[in-house]
PDB file of N, CA and C in Angstrom:
ATOM      1  N   MET A   1      30.880  14.857  -5.637  1.00  0.00           N
ATOM      2  CA  MET A   1      29.643  14.304  -6.165  1.00  0.00           C
ATOM      3  C   MET A   1      28.470  14.933  -5.427  1.00  0.00           C
ATOM      4  N   SER A   2      27.506  15.478  -6.164  1.00  0.00           N
ATOM      5  CA  SER A   2      26.369  16.120  -5.524  1.00  0.00           C
ATOM      6  C   SER A   2      25.319  15.070  -5.183  1.00  0.00           C
ATOM      7  N   GLN A   3      24.608  15.373  -4.110  1.00  0.00           N
ATOM      8  CA  GLN A   3      23.594  14.439  -3.632  1.00  0.00           C
ATOM      9  C   GLN A   3      22.241  14.878  -4.184  1.00  0.00           C
ATOM     10  N   VAL A   4      21.443  13.945  -4.683  1.00  0.00           N
ATOM     11  CA  VAL A   4      20.124  14.252  -5.231  1.00  0.00           C
ATOM     12  C   VAL A   4      19.156  14.404  -4.073  1.00  0.00           C
ATOM     13  N   GLN A   5      18.432  15.524  -4.078  1.00  0.00           N
ATOM     14  CA  GLN A   5      17.463  15.766  -3.033  1.00  0.00           C
ATOM     15  C   GLN A   5      16.101  15.211  -3.441  1.00  0.00           C
ATOM     16  N   ALA A   6      15.412  14.647  -2.483  1.00  0.00           N
ATOM     17  CA  ALA A   6      14.098  14.104  -2.754  1.00  0.00           C
ATOM     18  C   ALA A   6      13.076  15.235  -2.818  1.00  0.00           C
ATOM     19  N   GLY A   7      12.240  15.220  -3.825  1.00  0.00           N
ATOM     20  CA  GLY A   7      11.203  16.227  -3.966  1.00  0.00           C
ATOM     21  C   GLY A   7       9.989  15.884  -3.109  1.00  0.00           C
ATOM     22  N   PRO A   8       8.976  16.723  -3.139  1.00  0.00           N
ATOM     23  CA  PRO A   8       7.793  16.495  -2.318  1.00  0.00           C
ATOM     24  C   PRO A   8       7.011  15.254  -2.732  1.00  0.00           C
ATOM     25  N   LEU A   9       7.201  14.805  -3.964  1.00  0.00           N
ATOM     26  CA  LEU A   9       6.467  13.627  -4.429  1.00  0.00           C
ATOM     27  C   LEU A   9       7.346  12.385  -4.501  1.00  0.00           C
ATOM     28  N   SER A  10       8.478  12.396  -3.834  1.00  0.00           N
ATOM     29  CA  SER A  10       9.348  11.224  -3.859  1.00  0.00           C
ATOM     30  C   SER A  10       8.805  10.125  -2.962  1.00  0.00           C
ATOM     31  N   PHE A  11       9.353   8.946  -3.102  1.00  0.00           N
ATOM     32  CA  PHE A  11       8.940   7.798  -2.285  1.00  0.00           C
ATOM     33  C   PHE A  11      10.193   7.311  -1.553  1.00  0.00           C
ATOM     34  N   SER A  12      10.486   7.930  -0.444  1.00  0.00           N
ATOM     35  CA  SER A  12      11.723   7.652   0.278  1.00  0.00           C
ATOM     36  C   SER A  12      11.634   6.392   1.151  1.00  0.00           C
ATOM     37  N   ALA A  13      12.751   5.955   1.662  1.00  0.00           N
ATOM     38  CA  ALA A  13      12.828   4.721   2.451  1.00  0.00           C
ATOM     39  C   ALA A  13      12.002   4.798   3.720  1.00  0.00           C
ATOM     40  N   ASN A  14      11.870   5.990   4.325  1.00  0.00           N
ATOM     41  CA  ASN A  14      11.101   6.082   5.563  1.00  0.00           C
ATOM     42  C   ASN A  14       9.590   6.052   5.325  1.00  0.00           C
ATOM     43  N   MET A  15       9.179   5.956   4.064  1.00  0.00           N
ATOM     44  CA  MET A  15       7.767   5.831   3.730  1.00  0.00           C
ATOM     45  C   MET A  15       7.391   4.376   3.444  1.00  0.00           C
ATOM     46  N   ARG A  16       8.356   3.464   3.605  1.00  0.00           N
ATOM     47  CA  ARG A  16       8.141   2.066   3.283  1.00  0.00           C
ATOM     48  C   ARG A  16       8.162   1.200   4.532  1.00  0.00           C
ATOM     49  N   VAL A  17       7.342   0.174   4.514  1.00  0.00           N
ATOM     50  CA  VAL A  17       7.414  -0.890   5.520  1.00  0.00           C
ATOM     51  C   VAL A  17       8.367  -1.908   4.929  1.00  0.00           C
ATOM     52  N   ARG A  18       9.524  -2.117   5.565  1.00  0.00           N
ATOM     53  CA  ARG A  18      10.555  -2.931   4.951  1.00  0.00           C
ATOM     54  C   ARG A  18      10.916  -4.183   5.751  1.00  0.00           C
ATOM     55  N   LYS A  19      10.887  -4.072   7.064  1.00  0.00           N
ATOM     56  CA  LYS A  19      11.343  -5.179   7.899  1.00  0.00           C
ATOM     57  C   LYS A  19      10.246  -6.212   8.107  1.00  0.00           C
ATOM     58  N   ALA A  20      10.666  -7.465   8.181  1.00  0.00           N
ATOM     59  CA  ALA A  20       9.698  -8.549   8.440  1.00  0.00           C
ATOM     60  C   ALA A  20       9.003  -8.333   9.782  1.00  0.00           C
ATOM     61  N   SER A  21       9.734  -7.812  10.761  1.00  0.00           N
ATOM     62  CA  SER A  21       9.124  -7.567  12.070  1.00  0.00           C
ATOM     63  C   SER A  21       8.036  -6.516  11.985  1.00  0.00           C
ATOM     64  N   ASP A  22       8.213  -5.511  11.122  1.00  0.00           N
ATOM     65  CA  ASP A  22       7.171  -4.495  10.918  1.00  0.00           C
ATOM     66  C   ASP A  22       5.947  -5.102  10.265  1.00  0.00           C
ATOM     67  N   PHE A  23       6.151  -5.975   9.276  1.00  0.00           N
ATOM     68  CA  PHE A  23       5.019  -6.637   8.623  1.00  0.00           C
ATOM     69  C   PHE A  23       4.256  -7.493   9.635  1.00  0.00           C
ATOM     70  N   ARG A  24       4.993  -8.226  10.494  1.00  0.00           N
ATOM     71  CA  ARG A  24       4.334  -9.046  11.520  1.00  0.00           C
ATOM     72  C   ARG A  24       3.548  -8.173  12.496  1.00  0.00           C
ATOM     73  N   TYR A  25       4.128  -7.071  12.918  1.00  0.00           N
ATOM     74  CA  TYR A  25       3.473  -6.141  13.854  1.00  0.00           C
ATOM     75  C   TYR A  25       2.161  -5.641  13.235  1.00  0.00           C
ATOM     76  N   ILE A  26       2.206  -5.244  11.977  1.00  0.00           N
ATOM     77  CA  ILE A  26       1.003  -4.764  11.299  1.00  0.00           C
ATOM     78  C   ILE A  26      -0.029  -5.871  11.185  1.00  0.00           C
ATOM     79  N   LYS A  27       0.406  -7.059  10.800  1.00  0.00           N
ATOM     80  CA  LYS A  27      -0.530  -8.176  10.627  1.00  0.00           C
ATOM     81  C   LYS A  27      -1.238  -8.524  11.949  1.00  0.00           C
ATOM     82  N   GLU A  28      -0.510  -8.452  13.063  1.00  0.00           N
ATOM     83  CA  GLU A  28      -1.103  -8.791  14.355  1.00  0.00           C
ATOM     84  C   GLU A  28      -2.111  -7.749  14.813  1.00  0.00           C
ATOM     85  N   ARG A  29      -1.951  -6.497  14.462  1.00  0.00           N
ATOM     86  CA  ARG A  29      -2.783  -5.409  14.975  1.00  0.00           C
ATOM     87  C   ARG A  29      -3.681  -4.789  13.911  1.00  0.00           C
ATOM     88  N   ALA A  30      -3.738  -5.385  12.749  1.00  0.00           N
ATOM     89  CA  ALA A  30      -4.352  -4.724  11.582  1.00  0.00           C
ATOM     90  C   ALA A  30      -5.870  -4.771  11.578  1.00  0.00           C
ATOM     91  N   GLN A  31      -6.393  -3.707  10.986  1.00  0.00           N
ATOM     92  CA  GLN A  31      -7.762  -3.709  10.495  1.00  0.00           C
ATOM     93  C   GLN A  31      -7.644  -4.247   9.087  1.00  0.00           C
ATOM     94  N   VAL A  32      -8.457  -5.228   8.716  1.00  0.00           N
ATOM     95  CA  VAL A  32      -8.341  -5.856   7.399  1.00  0.00           C
ATOM     96  C   VAL A  32      -9.563  -5.484   6.559  1.00  0.00           C
ATOM     97  N   GLN A  33      -9.290  -5.034   5.332  1.00  0.00           N
ATOM     98  CA  GLN A  33     -10.342  -4.730   4.370  1.00  0.00           C
ATOM     99  C   GLN A  33     -10.099  -5.599   3.154  1.00  0.00           C
ATOM    100  N   HIS A  34     -11.177  -6.145   2.571  1.00  0.00           N
ATOM    101  CA  HIS A  34     -11.082  -7.049   1.425  1.00  0.00           C
ATOM    102  C   HIS A  34     -11.725  -6.430   0.197  1.00  0.00           C
ATOM    103  N   SER A  35     -11.175  -6.721  -0.950  1.00  0.00           N
ATOM    104  CA  SER A  35     -11.833  -6.498  -2.227  1.00  0.00           C
ATOM    105  C   SER A  35     -11.604  -7.744  -3.054  1.00  0.00           C
ATOM    106  N   THR A  36     -12.065  -7.741  -4.274  1.00  0.00           N
ATOM    107  CA  THR A  36     -11.917  -8.936  -5.090  1.00  0.00           C
ATOM    108  C   THR A  36     -10.475  -9.184  -5.497  1.00  0.00           C
ATOM    109  N   THR A  37      -9.659  -8.116  -5.545  1.00  0.00           N
ATOM    110  CA  THR A  37      -8.296  -8.260  -6.034  1.00  0.00           C
ATOM    111  C   THR A  37      -7.214  -7.983  -5.004  1.00  0.00           C
ATOM    112  N   MET A  38      -7.581  -7.401  -3.859  1.00  0.00           N
ATOM    113  CA  MET A  38      -6.558  -7.011  -2.876  1.00  0.00           C
ATOM    114  C   MET A  38      -7.088  -7.108  -1.451  1.00  0.00           C
ATOM    115  N   LEU A  39      -6.133  -7.156  -0.535  1.00  0.00           N
ATOM    116  CA  LEU A  39      -6.399  -6.997   0.883  1.00  0.00           C
ATOM    117  C   LEU A  39      -5.655  -5.737   1.332  1.00  0.00           C
ATOM    118  N   LEU A  40      -6.252  -5.017   2.263  1.00  0.00           N
ATOM    119  CA  LEU A  40      -5.583  -3.862   2.857  1.00  0.00           C
ATOM    120  C   LEU A  40      -5.495  -4.104   4.347  1.00  0.00           C
ATOM    121  N   LEU A  41      -4.280  -4.133   4.868  1.00  0.00           N
ATOM    122  CA  LEU A  41      -4.049  -4.218   6.304  1.00  0.00           C
ATOM    123  C   LEU A  41      -3.592  -2.829   6.745  1.00  0.00           C
ATOM    124  N   SER A  42      -4.223  -2.289   7.787  1.00  0.00           N
ATOM    125  CA  SER A  42      -3.790  -0.997   8.287  1.00  0.00           C
ATOM    126  C   SER A  42      -3.712  -1.060   9.807  1.00  0.00           C
ATOM    127  N   ALA A  43      -2.648  -0.483  10.332  1.00  0.00           N
ATOM    128  CA  ALA A  43      -2.425  -0.508  11.786  1.00  0.00           C
ATOM    129  C   ALA A  43      -1.873   0.842  12.216  1.00  0.00           C
ATOM    130  N   THR A  44      -2.219   1.242  13.417  1.00  0.00           N
ATOM    131  CA  THR A  44      -1.752   2.508  13.971  1.00  0.00           C
ATOM    132  C   THR A  44      -0.281   2.411  14.329  1.00  0.00           C
ATOM    133  N   GLN A  45       0.443   3.511  14.121  1.00  0.00           N
ATOM    134  CA  GLN A  45       1.854   3.595  14.482  1.00  0.00           C
ATOM    135  C   GLN A  45       2.161   5.012  14.947  1.00  0.00           C
ATOM    136  N   GLU A  46       3.321   5.205  15.527  1.00  0.00           N
ATOM    137  CA  GLU A  46       3.690   6.503  16.090  1.00  0.00           C
ATOM    138  C   GLU A  46       4.772   7.213  15.277  1.00  0.00           C
ATOM    139  N   GLN A  47       5.041   6.792  14.065  1.00  0.00           N
ATOM    140  CA  GLN A  47       6.114   7.361  13.264  1.00  0.00           C
ATOM    141  C   GLN A  47       5.784   8.783  12.788  1.00  0.00           C
ATOM    142  N   GLY A  48       4.513   9.141  12.731  1.00  0.00           N
ATOM    143  CA  GLY A  48       4.128  10.465  12.291  1.00  0.00           C
ATOM    144  C   GLY A  48       4.014  10.607  10.788  1.00  0.00           C
ATOM    145  N   ARG A  49       4.206   9.516  10.061  1.00  0.00           N
ATOM    146  CA  ARG A  49       4.114   9.558   8.613  1.00  0.00           C
ATOM    147  C   ARG A  49       3.575   8.210   8.129  1.00  0.00           C
ATOM    148  N   ALA A  50       2.633   8.270   7.213  1.00  0.00           N
ATOM    149  CA  ALA A  50       2.089   7.034   6.649  1.00  0.00           C
ATOM    150  C   ALA A  50       3.178   6.238   5.960  1.00  0.00           C
ATOM    151  N   ARG A  51       3.148   4.917   6.141  1.00  0.00           N
ATOM    152  CA  ARG A  51       4.106   4.044   5.475  1.00  0.00           C
ATOM    153  C   ARG A  51       3.358   2.999   4.682  1.00  0.00           C
ATOM    154  N   LEU A  52       3.996   2.518   3.634  1.00  0.00           N
ATOM    155  CA  LEU A  52       3.377   1.571   2.709  1.00  0.00           C
ATOM    156  C   LEU A  52       4.209   0.301   2.634  1.00  0.00           C
ATOM    157  N   GLY A  53       3.530  -0.842   2.723  1.00  0.00           N
ATOM    158  CA  GLY A  53       4.148  -2.147   2.481  1.00  0.00           C
ATOM    159  C   GLY A  53       3.385  -2.867   1.392  1.00  0.00           C
ATOM    160  N   LEU A  54       4.087  -3.646   0.594  1.00  0.00           N
ATOM    161  CA  LEU A  54       3.453  -4.333  -0.528  1.00  0.00           C
ATOM    162  C   LEU A  54       3.803  -5.804  -0.515  1.00  0.00           C
ATOM    163  N   VAL A  55       2.807  -6.641  -0.785  1.00  0.00           N
ATOM    164  CA  VAL A  55       3.007  -8.076  -0.920  1.00  0.00           C
ATOM    165  C   VAL A  55       2.323  -8.485  -2.222  1.00  0.00           C
ATOM    166  N   VAL A  56       3.111  -8.971  -3.163  1.00  0.00           N
ATOM    167  CA  VAL A  56       2.577  -9.424  -4.458  1.00  0.00           C
ATOM    168  C   VAL A  56       3.148 -10.820  -4.681  1.00  0.00           C
ATOM    169  N   THR A  57       2.289 -11.836  -4.639  1.00  0.00           N
ATOM    170  CA  THR A  57       2.752 -13.213  -4.745  1.00  0.00           C
ATOM    171  C   THR A  57       3.070 -13.603  -6.174  1.00  0.00           C
ATOM    172  N   LYS A  58       3.798 -14.692  -6.319  1.00  0.00           N
ATOM    173  CA  LYS A  58       4.159 -15.194  -7.633  1.00  0.00           C
ATOM    174  C   LYS A  58       2.936 -15.645  -8.423  1.00  0.00           C
ATOM    175  N   LYS A  59       1.848 -15.938  -7.732  1.00  0.00           N
ATOM    176  CA  LYS A  59       0.616 -16.349  -8.417  1.00  0.00           C
ATOM    177  C   LYS A  59       0.062 -15.228  -9.268  1.00  0.00           C
ATOM    178  N   THR A  60       0.469 -14.008  -8.975  1.00  0.00           N
ATOM    179  CA  THR A  60      -0.015 -12.840  -9.727  1.00  0.00           C
ATOM    180  C   THR A  60       0.548 -12.828 -11.142  1.00  0.00           C
ATOM    181  N   GLY A  61       1.758 -13.352 -11.327  1.00  0.00           N
ATOM    182  CA  GLY A  61       2.348 -13.367 -12.653  1.00  0.00           C
ATOM    183  C   GLY A  61       3.870 -13.369 -12.562  1.00  0.00           C
ATOM    184  N   CYS A  62       4.505 -13.164 -13.678  1.00  0.00           N
ATOM    185  CA  CYS A  62       5.976 -13.145 -13.718  1.00  0.00           C
ATOM    186  C   CYS A  62       6.491 -11.895 -13.025  1.00  0.00           C
ATOM    187  N   ALA A  63       7.797 -11.791 -12.878  1.00  0.00           N
ATOM    188  CA  ALA A  63       8.406 -10.676 -12.152  1.00  0.00           C
ATOM    189  C   ALA A  63       8.022  -9.325 -12.718  1.00  0.00           C
ATOM    190  N   ALA A  64       7.956  -9.225 -14.032  1.00  0.00           N
ATOM    191  CA  ALA A  64       7.603  -7.951 -14.661  1.00  0.00           C
ATOM    192  C   ALA A  64       6.184  -7.520 -14.261  1.00  0.00           C
ATOM    193  N   VAL A  65       5.251  -8.474 -14.219  1.00  0.00           N
ATOM    194  CA  VAL A  65       3.878  -8.182 -13.834  1.00  0.00           C
ATOM    195  C   VAL A  65       3.816  -7.781 -12.366  1.00  0.00           C
ATOM    196  N   ARG A  66       4.504  -8.520 -11.511  1.00  0.00           N
ATOM    197  CA  ARG A  66       4.496  -8.208 -10.079  1.00  0.00           C
ATOM    198  C   ARG A  66       5.089  -6.824  -9.827  1.00  0.00           C
ATOM    199  N   ASN A  67       6.178  -6.510 -10.513  1.00  0.00           N
ATOM    200  CA  ASN A  67       6.811  -5.201 -10.343  1.00  0.00           C
ATOM    201  C   ASN A  67       5.894  -4.092 -10.852  1.00  0.00           C
ATOM    202  N   ARG A  68       5.135  -4.327 -11.898  1.00  0.00           N
ATOM    203  CA  ARG A  68       4.203  -3.330 -12.400  1.00  0.00           C
ATOM    204  C   ARG A  68       3.137  -2.994 -11.367  1.00  0.00           C
ATOM    205  N   TRP A  69       2.600  -4.051 -10.712  1.00  0.00           N
ATOM    206  CA  TRP A  69       1.581  -3.813  -9.672  1.00  0.00           C
ATOM    207  C   TRP A  69       2.176  -3.017  -8.519  1.00  0.00           C
ATOM    208  N   LYS A  70       3.380  -3.359  -8.103  1.00  0.00           N
ATOM    209  CA  LYS A  70       4.010  -2.632  -7.009  1.00  0.00           C
ATOM    210  C   LYS A  70       4.249  -1.176  -7.404  1.00  0.00           C
ATOM    211  N   ARG A  71       4.697  -0.972  -8.616  1.00  0.00           N
ATOM    212  CA  ARG A  71       4.941   0.396  -9.109  1.00  0.00           C
ATOM    213  C   ARG A  71       3.660   1.219  -9.118  1.00  0.00           C
ATOM    214  N   LYS A  72       2.579   0.610  -9.590  1.00  0.00           N
ATOM    215  CA  LYS A  72       1.298   1.332  -9.647  1.00  0.00           C
ATOM    216  C   LYS A  72       0.762   1.689  -8.269  1.00  0.00           C
ATOM    217  N   ILE A  73       0.883   0.767  -7.323  1.00  0.00           N
ATOM    218  CA  ILE A  73       0.387   1.050  -5.968  1.00  0.00           C
ATOM    219  C   ILE A  73       1.271   2.115  -5.306  1.00  0.00           C
ATOM    220  N   ARG A  74       2.572   2.025  -5.457  1.00  0.00           N
ATOM    221  CA  ARG A  74       3.473   3.050  -4.920  1.00  0.00           C
ATOM    222  C   ARG A  74       3.173   4.425  -5.528  1.00  0.00           C
ATOM    223  N   GLU A  75       2.896   4.432  -6.812  1.00  0.00           N
ATOM    224  CA  GLU A  75       2.573   5.687  -7.496  1.00  0.00           C
ATOM    225  C   GLU A  75       1.301   6.294  -6.930  1.00  0.00           C
ATOM    226  N   TYR A  76       0.290   5.487  -6.684  1.00  0.00           N
ATOM    227  CA  TYR A  76      -0.939   5.988  -6.085  1.00  0.00           C
ATOM    228  C   TYR A  76      -0.657   6.560  -4.694  1.00  0.00           C
ATOM    229  N   PHE A  77       0.101   5.847  -3.890  1.00  0.00           N
ATOM    230  CA  PHE A  77       0.457   6.286  -2.541  1.00  0.00           C
ATOM    231  C   PHE A  77       1.200   7.624  -2.595  1.00  0.00           C
ATOM    232  N   ARG A  78       2.089   7.750  -3.537  1.00  0.00           N
ATOM    233  CA  ARG A  78       2.905   8.951  -3.666  1.00  0.00           C
ATOM    234  C   ARG A  78       2.084  10.153  -4.162  1.00  0.00           C
ATOM    235  N   LEU A  79       1.183   9.930  -5.099  1.00  0.00           N
ATOM    236  CA  LEU A  79       0.422  11.035  -5.697  1.00  0.00           C
ATOM    237  C   LEU A  79      -0.826  11.436  -4.896  1.00  0.00           C
ATOM    238  N   HIS A  80      -1.287  10.569  -4.018  1.00  0.00           N
ATOM    239  CA  HIS A  80      -2.519  10.847  -3.256  1.00  0.00           C
ATOM    240  C   HIS A  80      -2.291  10.742  -1.747  1.00  0.00           C
ATOM    241  N   PRO A  81      -1.365  11.513  -1.200  1.00  0.00           N
ATOM    242  CA  PRO A  81      -1.089  11.398   0.237  1.00  0.00           C
ATOM    243  C   PRO A  81      -2.272  11.795   1.117  1.00  0.00           C
ATOM    244  N   GLU A  82      -3.194  12.581   0.565  1.00  0.00           N
ATOM    245  CA  GLU A  82      -4.368  13.003   1.332  1.00  0.00           C
ATOM    246  C   GLU A  82      -5.290  11.835   1.659  1.00  0.00           C
ATOM    247  N   ASN A  83      -5.180  10.719   0.961  1.00  0.00           N
ATOM    248  CA  ASN A  83      -6.039   9.552   1.197  1.00  0.00           C
ATOM    249  C   ASN A  83      -5.497   8.631   2.281  1.00  0.00           C
ATOM    250  N   PHE A  84      -4.304   8.935   2.795  1.00  0.00           N
ATOM    251  CA  PHE A  84      -3.638   8.071   3.790  1.00  0.00           C
ATOM    252  C   PHE A  84      -3.426   8.855   5.081  1.00  0.00           C
ATOM    253  N   HIS A  85      -3.748   8.242   6.216  1.00  0.00           N
ATOM    254  CA  HIS A  85      -3.596   8.865   7.523  1.00  0.00           C
ATOM    255  C   HIS A  85      -2.152   8.756   7.982  1.00  0.00           C
ATOM    256  N   ASN A  86      -1.619   9.834   8.526  1.00  0.00           N
ATOM    257  CA  ASN A  86      -0.222   9.871   8.953  1.00  0.00           C
ATOM    258  C   ASN A  86       0.080   8.955  10.139  1.00  0.00           C
ATOM    259  N   ASP A  87      -0.925   8.534  10.866  1.00  0.00           N
ATOM    260  CA  ASP A  87      -0.697   7.660  12.015  1.00  0.00           C
ATOM    261  C   ASP A  87      -0.909   6.191  11.693  1.00  0.00           C
ATOM    262  N   GLN A  88      -0.890   5.858  10.408  1.00  0.00           N
ATOM    263  CA  GLN A  88      -1.174   4.479   9.968  1.00  0.00           C
ATOM    264  C   GLN A  88      -0.065   3.903   9.111  1.00  0.00           C
ATOM    265  N   ASP A  89       0.136   2.595   9.244  1.00  0.00           N
ATOM    266  CA  ASP A  89       0.918   1.815   8.302  1.00  0.00           C
ATOM    267  C   ASP A  89      -0.063   1.051   7.437  1.00  0.00           C
ATOM    268  N   TYR A  90       0.216   0.964   6.146  1.00  0.00           N
ATOM    269  CA  TYR A  90      -0.658   0.285   5.182  1.00  0.00           C
ATOM    270  C   TYR A  90       0.107  -0.821   4.490  1.00  0.00           C
ATOM    271  N   VAL A  91      -0.518  -1.999   4.405  1.00  0.00           N
ATOM    272  CA  VAL A  91       0.084  -3.094   3.639  1.00  0.00           C
ATOM    273  C   VAL A  91      -0.997  -3.577   2.660  1.00  0.00           C
ATOM    274  N   PHE A  92      -0.679  -3.490   1.374  1.00  0.00           N
ATOM    275  CA  PHE A  92      -1.560  -4.001   0.332  1.00  0.00           C
ATOM    276  C   PHE A  92      -1.054  -5.386  -0.055  1.00  0.00           C
ATOM    277  N   ILE A  93      -1.946  -6.363  -0.047  1.00  0.00           N
ATOM    278  CA  ILE A  93      -1.646  -7.703  -0.481  1.00  0.00           C
ATOM    279  C   ILE A  93      -2.441  -7.954  -1.764  1.00  0.00           C
ATOM    280  N   VAL A  94      -1.727  -8.107  -2.864  1.00  0.00           N
ATOM    281  CA  VAL A  94      -2.366  -8.273  -4.172  1.00  0.00           C
ATOM    282  C   VAL A  94      -2.669  -9.757  -4.388  1.00  0.00           C
ATOM    283  N   LYS A  95      -3.926 -10.037  -4.716  1.00  0.00           N
ATOM    284  CA  LYS A  95      -4.354 -11.418  -4.972  1.00  0.00           C
ATOM    285  C   LYS A  95      -4.051 -11.797  -6.409  1.00  0.00           C
ATOM    286  N   SER A  96      -4.147 -13.069  -6.687  1.00  0.00           N
ATOM    287  CA  SER A  96      -3.830 -13.556  -8.031  1.00  0.00           C
ATOM    288  C   SER A  96      -4.926 -13.171  -9.045  1.00  0.00           C
ATOM    289  N   LYS A  97      -6.069 -12.671  -8.600  1.00  0.00           N
ATOM    290  CA  LYS A  97      -7.153 -12.321  -9.494  1.00  0.00           C
ATOM    291  C   LYS A  97      -6.906 -11.019 -10.275  1.00  0.00           C
ATOM    292  N   THR A  98      -5.741 -10.420 -10.092  1.00  0.00           N
ATOM    293  CA  THR A  98      -5.440  -9.164 -10.779  1.00  0.00           C
ATOM    294  C   THR A  98      -4.963  -9.353 -12.207  1.00  0.00           C
ATOM    295  N   LYS A  99      -4.778 -10.581 -12.631  1.00  0.00           N
ATOM    296  CA  LYS A  99      -4.271 -10.818 -13.997  1.00  0.00           C
ATOM    297  C   LYS A  99      -5.183 -10.141 -15.016  1.00  0.00           C
ATOM    298  N   GLY A 100      -4.582  -9.299 -15.863  1.00  0.00           N
ATOM    299  CA  GLY A 100      -5.312  -8.640 -16.928  1.00  0.00           C
ATOM    300  C   GLY A 100      -6.150  -7.455 -16.489  1.00  0.00           C
ATOM    301  N   MET A 101      -6.064  -7.048 -15.234  1.00  0.00           N
ATOM    302  CA  MET A 101      -6.840  -5.923 -14.741  1.00  0.00           C
ATOM    303  C   MET A 101      -6.207  -4.602 -15.193  1.00  0.00           C
ATOM    304  N   PRO A 102      -6.984  -3.671 -15.758  1.00  0.00           N
ATOM    305  CA  PRO A 102      -6.400  -2.390 -16.187  1.00  0.00           C
ATOM    306  C   PRO A 102      -6.035  -1.513 -14.988  1.00  0.00           C
ATOM    307  N   GLY A 103      -5.099  -0.595 -15.222  1.00  0.00           N
ATOM    308  CA  GLY A 103      -4.606   0.302 -14.154  1.00  0.00           C
ATOM    309  C   GLY A 103      -5.681   1.177 -13.549  1.00  0.00           C
ATOM    310  N   THR A 104      -6.651   1.606 -14.353  1.00  0.00           N
ATOM    311  CA  THR A 104      -7.708   2.477 -13.803  1.00  0.00           C
ATOM    312  C   THR A 104      -8.561   1.698 -12.785  1.00  0.00           C
ATOM    313  N   ARG A 105      -8.746   0.438 -13.033  1.00  0.00           N
ATOM    314  CA  ARG A 105      -9.490  -0.397 -12.087  1.00  0.00           C
ATOM    315  C   ARG A 105      -8.720  -0.547 -10.781  1.00  0.00           C
ATOM    316  N   LEU A 106      -7.390  -0.584 -10.874  1.00  0.00           N
ATOM    317  CA  LEU A 106      -6.556  -0.679  -9.659  1.00  0.00           C
ATOM    318  C   LEU A 106      -6.785   0.537  -8.770  1.00  0.00           C
ATOM    319  N   GLU A 107      -6.825   1.735  -9.350  1.00  0.00           N
ATOM    320  CA  GLU A 107      -7.083   2.937  -8.546  1.00  0.00           C
ATOM    321  C   GLU A 107      -8.431   2.865  -7.859  1.00  0.00           C
ATOM    322  N   GLN A 108      -9.433   2.388  -8.582  1.00  0.00           N
ATOM    323  CA  GLN A 108     -10.770   2.242  -7.999  1.00  0.00           C
ATOM    324  C   GLN A 108     -10.756   1.250  -6.826  1.00  0.00           C
ATOM    325  N   GLU A 109     -10.019   0.166  -6.966  1.00  0.00           N
ATOM    326  CA  GLU A 109      -9.918  -0.827  -5.890  1.00  0.00           C
ATOM    327  C   GLU A 109      -9.239  -0.226  -4.656  1.00  0.00           C
ATOM    328  N   ILE A 110      -8.154   0.514  -4.878  1.00  0.00           N
ATOM    329  CA  ILE A 110      -7.448   1.145  -3.758  1.00  0.00           C
ATOM    330  C   ILE A 110      -8.343   2.133  -3.052  1.00  0.00           C
ATOM    331  N   GLU A 111      -9.039   2.984  -3.806  1.00  0.00           N
ATOM    332  CA  GLU A 111      -9.946   3.967  -3.204  1.00  0.00           C
ATOM    333  C   GLU A 111     -11.076   3.276  -2.446  1.00  0.00           C
ATOM    334  N   TYR A 112     -11.598   2.193  -3.000  1.00  0.00           N
ATOM    335  CA  TYR A 112     -12.656   1.432  -2.322  1.00  0.00           C
ATOM    336  C   TYR A 112     -12.165   0.895  -0.975  1.00  0.00           C
ATOM    337  N   LEU A 113     -10.975   0.315  -0.971  1.00  0.00           N
ATOM    338  CA  LEU A 113     -10.411  -0.223   0.285  1.00  0.00           C
ATOM    339  C   LEU A 113     -10.137   0.878   1.306  1.00  0.00           C
ATOM    340  N   LEU A 114      -9.665   2.011   0.846  1.00  0.00           N
ATOM    341  CA  LEU A 114      -9.386   3.119   1.762  1.00  0.00           C
ATOM    342  C   LEU A 114     -10.693   3.683   2.356  1.00  0.00           C
ATOM    343  N   ARG A 115     -11.744   3.746   1.526  1.00  0.00           N
ATOM    344  CA  ARG A 115     -13.056   4.202   2.055  1.00  0.00           C
ATOM    345  C   ARG A 115     -13.567   3.230   3.117  1.00  0.00           C
ATOM    346  N   LYS A 116     -13.464   1.929   2.834  1.00  0.00           N
ATOM    347  CA  LYS A 116     -13.884   0.915   3.817  1.00  0.00           C
ATOM    348  C   LYS A 116     -13.072   1.040   5.101  1.00  0.00           C
ATOM    349  N   GLN A 117     -11.786   1.292   4.954  1.00  0.00           N
ATOM    350  CA  GLN A 117     -10.912   1.434   6.124  1.00  0.00           C
ATOM    351  C   GLN A 117     -11.309   2.663   6.947  1.00  0.00           C
ATOM    352  N   ASP A 118     -11.618   3.764   6.288  1.00  0.00           N
ATOM    353  CA  ASP A 118     -12.058   4.980   6.980  1.00  0.00           C
ATOM    354  C   ASP A 118     -13.357   4.751   7.730  1.00  0.00           C
ATOM    355  N   GLN A 119     -14.297   4.030   7.108  1.00  0.00           N
ATOM    356  CA  GLN A 119     -15.552   3.737   7.769  1.00  0.00           C
ATOM    357  C   GLN A 119     -15.333   2.889   9.007  1.00  0.00           C
ATOM    358  N   GLY A 120     -14.395   1.946   8.936  1.00  0.00           N
ATOM    359  CA  GLY A 120     -14.062   1.092  10.076  1.00  0.00           C
ATOM    360  C   GLY A 120     -13.427   1.883  11.216  1.00  0.00           C
ATOM    361  N   ARG A 121     -12.664   2.905  10.886  1.00  0.00           N
ATOM    362  CA  ARG A 121     -12.025   3.757  11.908  1.00  0.00           C
ATOM    363  C   ARG A 121     -13.055   4.569  12.680  1.00  0.00           C
ATOM    364  N   MET A 122     -14.146   4.926  11.992  1.00  0.00           N
ATOM    365  CA  MET A 122     -15.155   5.791  12.612  1.00  0.00           C
ATOM    366  C   MET A 122     -16.057   5.045  13.550  1.00  0.00           C
ATOM    367  N   LEU A 123     -16.088   3.743  13.473  1.00  0.00           N
ATOM    368  CA  LEU A 123     -16.980   2.941  14.340  1.00  0.00           C
ATOM    369  C   LEU A 123     -16.471   2.898  15.762  1.00  0.00           C
TER     370      LEU A 123
END
């Protein structure tokens, strides 16, 4: 059986924040940025590669809706690596106000939060 190789745009396991202890670590040391629909927590790490964590509560909608939001955020992370610093872990927390929000607005919200985060790093 041949093994499938991950391409340059794949979203592998080492790019994810998966453990509860990692989420706690990020939460304790995070820079927090707010928008109307999301929170962005970012914390410095030594892994050498940006990692992404996602929190989408049940208040956001049914499982299909929650999975769609996670898919869209992962897709942005995968397609725009230049917007993420390699020495950072990122956790996006999606608020319940995202109901009915179009995907293009989601990209704008992510870019807004990342710009705010960059400005905070420069201070």
